[in-house]
Amino acid sequence: MNDKTVDPRLLEMLRCPACVRSGPQAGLLDRHGNWLVCRDCSRKYPIRDGIPVMLIEEGDKYKATAIQDLPATAQ
């Protein structure tokens, strides 16, 4: 299974769990390959086996990593 199996409707609904408390439009995510990146806080959430891993701890691991430096496959 690969990340392309993620339902696009699900991706539209997902929000960064660290930022969503600020309001309904906070924490919007952009997709970059196997990653979802928060527009507000720059946390990066991996997509593993088609499942977005939306844990704040996961988002924190690569927060300081530039998008172009993210691993192609989320660990």
N, C-alpha and C. Protein backbone atom coordinates (compact mmCIF):
# COMPACT_ATOMS: atom_id res chain seq x y z
N MET A 1 0.86 -1.17 0.00
CA MET A 1 0.00 0.00 0.00
C MET A 1 0.90 1.23 0.00
N ASN A 2 0.51 2.29 -0.69
CA ASN A 2 1.29 3.52 -0.68
C ASN A 2 0.42 4.69 -0.24
N ASP A 3 1.05 5.86 -0.12
CA ASP A 3 0.33 7.01 0.41
C ASP A 3 -0.77 7.50 -0.51
N LYS A 4 -0.79 7.08 -1.77
CA LYS A 4 -1.81 7.55 -2.70
C LYS A 4 -3.18 6.99 -2.36
N THR A 5 -3.26 6.05 -1.43
CA THR A 5 -4.54 5.48 -1.05
C THR A 5 -5.26 6.34 -0.01
N VAL A 6 -4.64 7.43 0.44
CA VAL A 6 -5.30 8.32 1.40
C VAL A 6 -6.45 9.02 0.68
N ASP A 7 -7.63 8.92 1.25
CA ASP A 7 -8.81 9.53 0.67
C ASP A 7 -8.65 11.06 0.64
N PRO A 8 -8.75 11.70 -0.51
CA PRO A 8 -8.61 13.16 -0.60
C PRO A 8 -9.60 13.91 0.29
N ARG A 9 -10.78 13.34 0.51
CA ARG A 9 -11.76 14.00 1.38
C ARG A 9 -11.25 14.03 2.82
N LEU A 10 -10.56 12.97 3.23
CA LEU A 10 -9.98 12.94 4.57
C LEU A 10 -8.91 14.02 4.69
N LEU A 11 -8.06 14.15 3.70
CA LEU A 11 -7.00 15.15 3.75
C LEU A 11 -7.57 16.57 3.87
N GLU A 12 -8.71 16.82 3.25
CA GLU A 12 -9.35 18.14 3.33
C GLU A 12 -9.84 18.44 4.75
N MET A 13 -10.21 17.40 5.49
CA MET A 13 -10.76 17.58 6.84
C MET A 13 -9.69 17.67 7.92
N LEU A 14 -8.53 17.06 7.68
CA LEU A 14 -7.50 17.01 8.70
C LEU A 14 -6.94 18.38 9.02
N ARG A 15 -6.62 18.60 10.28
CA ARG A 15 -6.00 19.82 10.76
C ARG A 15 -4.88 19.43 11.72
N CYS A 16 -3.90 20.27 11.85
CA CYS A 16 -2.81 20.05 12.79
C CYS A 16 -3.40 19.98 14.20
N PRO A 17 -3.16 18.90 14.93
CA PRO A 17 -3.73 18.79 16.27
C PRO A 17 -3.17 19.81 17.26
N ALA A 18 -2.01 20.37 16.98
CA ALA A 18 -1.42 21.38 17.87
C ALA A 18 -2.05 22.75 17.65
N CYS A 19 -2.54 23.01 16.43
CA CYS A 19 -3.04 24.35 16.09
C CYS A 19 -4.56 24.47 16.02
N VAL A 20 -5.24 23.37 15.89
CA VAL A 20 -6.68 23.40 15.65
C VAL A 20 -7.45 24.07 16.77
N ARG A 21 -6.89 24.11 17.95
CA ARG A 21 -7.56 24.76 19.08
C ARG A 21 -7.73 26.26 18.87
N SER A 22 -6.97 26.82 17.94
CA SER A 22 -7.03 28.27 17.68
C SER A 22 -8.22 28.66 16.82
N GLY A 23 -8.91 27.70 16.23
CA GLY A 23 -10.07 28.00 15.41
C GLY A 23 -10.18 27.04 14.24
N PRO A 24 -11.33 27.03 13.57
CA PRO A 24 -11.58 26.04 12.52
C PRO A 24 -10.68 26.17 11.29
N GLN A 25 -10.13 27.33 11.02
CA GLN A 25 -9.25 27.48 9.87
C GLN A 25 -7.78 27.40 10.25
N ALA A 26 -7.49 27.22 11.52
CA ALA A 26 -6.11 27.07 11.97
C ALA A 26 -5.61 25.66 11.68
N GLY A 27 -4.34 25.53 11.47
CA GLY A 27 -3.74 24.21 11.30
C GLY A 27 -4.02 23.55 9.97
N LEU A 28 -4.27 24.34 8.94
CA LEU A 28 -4.47 23.75 7.61
C LEU A 28 -3.19 23.07 7.17
N LEU A 29 -3.33 21.95 6.47
CA LEU A 29 -2.19 21.14 6.09
C LEU A 29 -1.98 21.15 4.57
N ASP A 30 -0.73 21.18 4.17
CA ASP A 30 -0.35 21.03 2.77
C ASP A 30 0.33 19.68 2.63
N ARG A 31 0.08 19.00 1.53
CA ARG A 31 0.70 17.70 1.31
C ARG A 31 1.98 17.87 0.50
N HIS A 32 3.03 17.21 0.98
CA HIS A 32 4.32 17.19 0.30
C HIS A 32 4.78 15.73 0.28
N GLY A 33 4.46 15.00 -0.77
CA GLY A 33 4.82 13.59 -0.84
C GLY A 33 4.18 12.80 0.27
N ASN A 34 5.00 12.15 1.08
CA ASN A 34 4.52 11.33 2.20
C ASN A 34 4.41 12.11 3.49
N TRP A 35 4.22 13.43 3.39
CA TRP A 35 4.17 14.29 4.56
C TRP A 35 3.01 15.27 4.46
N LEU A 36 2.44 15.61 5.62
CA LEU A 36 1.48 16.70 5.75
C LEU A 36 2.16 17.78 6.57
N VAL A 37 2.17 18.99 6.07
CA VAL A 37 2.88 20.09 6.72
C VAL A 37 1.89 21.17 7.13
N CYS A 38 1.93 21.56 8.41
CA CYS A 38 1.04 22.58 8.93
C CYS A 38 1.47 23.95 8.42
N ARG A 39 0.53 24.70 7.88
CA ARG A 39 0.82 26.05 7.38
C ARG A 39 1.14 27.03 8.51
N ASP A 40 0.64 26.75 9.71
CA ASP A 40 0.81 27.68 10.82
C ASP A 40 2.07 27.44 11.65
N CYS A 41 2.32 26.19 12.03
CA CYS A 41 3.42 25.92 12.97
C CYS A 41 4.59 25.15 12.35
N SER A 42 4.43 24.70 11.12
CA SER A 42 5.47 23.96 10.38
C SER A 42 5.73 22.55 10.91
N ARG A 43 4.84 22.02 11.76
CA ARG A 43 4.99 20.62 12.13
C ARG A 43 4.76 19.78 10.89
N LYS A 44 5.47 18.65 10.83
CA LYS A 44 5.37 17.77 9.68
C LYS A 44 4.93 16.39 10.14
N TYR A 45 3.81 15.93 9.59
CA TYR A 45 3.22 14.65 9.98
C TYR A 45 3.42 13.65 8.86
N PRO A 46 3.97 12.47 9.19
CA PRO A 46 4.20 11.47 8.15
C PRO A 46 2.92 10.75 7.75
N ILE A 47 2.92 10.27 6.52
CA ILE A 47 1.88 9.37 6.03
C ILE A 47 2.55 8.01 5.90
N ARG A 48 2.09 7.05 6.69
CA ARG A 48 2.68 5.70 6.68
C ARG A 48 1.63 4.70 6.24
N ASP A 49 1.96 3.95 5.21
CA ASP A 49 1.04 2.92 4.69
C ASP A 49 -0.34 3.50 4.42
N GLY A 50 -0.37 4.73 3.91
CA GLY A 50 -1.64 5.35 3.55
C GLY A 50 -2.38 5.98 4.72
N ILE A 51 -1.76 6.01 5.91
CA ILE A 51 -2.43 6.54 7.10
C ILE A 51 -1.65 7.74 7.63
N PRO A 52 -2.28 8.93 7.67
CA PRO A 52 -1.60 10.08 8.27
C PRO A 52 -1.44 9.87 9.78
N VAL A 53 -0.23 10.06 10.27
CA VAL A 53 0.06 9.90 11.69
C VAL A 53 -0.02 11.29 12.32
N MET A 54 -1.17 11.60 12.91
CA MET A 54 -1.46 12.96 13.38
C MET A 54 -1.23 13.12 14.88
N LEU A 55 -0.11 12.64 15.36
CA LEU A 55 0.26 12.82 16.77
C LEU A 55 1.21 14.00 16.86
N ILE A 56 0.99 14.88 17.83
CA ILE A 56 1.84 16.06 17.97
C ILE A 56 3.31 15.66 18.11
N GLU A 57 3.57 14.58 18.83
CA GLU A 57 4.94 14.11 19.00
C GLU A 57 5.58 13.78 17.65
N GLU A 58 4.82 13.21 16.72
CA GLU A 58 5.33 12.92 15.39
C GLU A 58 5.60 14.21 14.62
N GLY A 59 4.69 15.17 14.74
CA GLY A 59 4.86 16.44 14.07
C GLY A 59 6.07 17.21 14.56
N ASP A 60 6.39 17.03 15.83
CA ASP A 60 7.54 17.72 16.42
C ASP A 60 8.88 17.21 15.91
N LYS A 61 8.95 15.93 15.56
CA LYS A 61 10.23 15.31 15.20
C LYS A 61 10.92 16.02 14.04
N TYR A 62 10.16 16.47 13.05
CA TYR A 62 10.75 17.08 11.85
C TYR A 62 10.37 18.55 11.70
N LYS A 63 9.92 19.17 12.79
CA LYS A 63 9.46 20.56 12.71
C LYS A 63 10.54 21.49 12.16
N ALA A 64 11.77 21.30 12.56
CA ALA A 64 12.86 22.17 12.13
C ALA A 64 13.48 21.75 10.79
N THR A 65 13.02 20.63 10.23
CA THR A 65 13.56 20.14 8.97
C THR A 65 12.88 20.83 7.80
N ALA A 66 13.67 21.31 6.86
CA ALA A 66 13.11 21.94 5.66
C ALA A 66 12.37 20.88 4.85
N ILE A 67 11.32 21.29 4.18
CA ILE A 67 10.50 20.36 3.40
C ILE A 67 11.34 19.56 2.41
N GLN A 68 12.26 20.24 1.74
CA GLN A 68 13.09 19.55 0.75
C GLN A 68 14.05 18.55 1.37
N ASP A 69 14.27 18.63 2.69
CA ASP A 69 15.17 17.72 3.38
C ASP A 69 14.45 16.56 4.08
N LEU A 70 13.12 16.51 3.98
CA LEU A 70 12.38 15.41 4.60
C LEU A 70 12.69 14.10 3.88
N PRO A 71 12.76 13.00 4.60
CA PRO A 71 12.96 11.71 3.95
C PRO A 71 11.80 11.41 3.00
N ALA A 72 12.10 10.76 1.88
CA ALA A 72 11.06 10.43 0.91
C ALA A 72 10.03 9.48 1.52
N THR A 73 10.50 8.59 2.37
CA THR A 73 9.61 7.65 3.05
C THR A 73 9.64 7.97 4.53
N ALA A 74 8.48 8.21 5.10
CA ALA A 74 8.39 8.52 6.53
C ALA A 74 8.79 7.32 7.34
N GLN A 75 9.64 7.53 8.33
CA GLN A 75 10.11 6.44 9.21
C GLN A 75 9.15 6.22 10.34
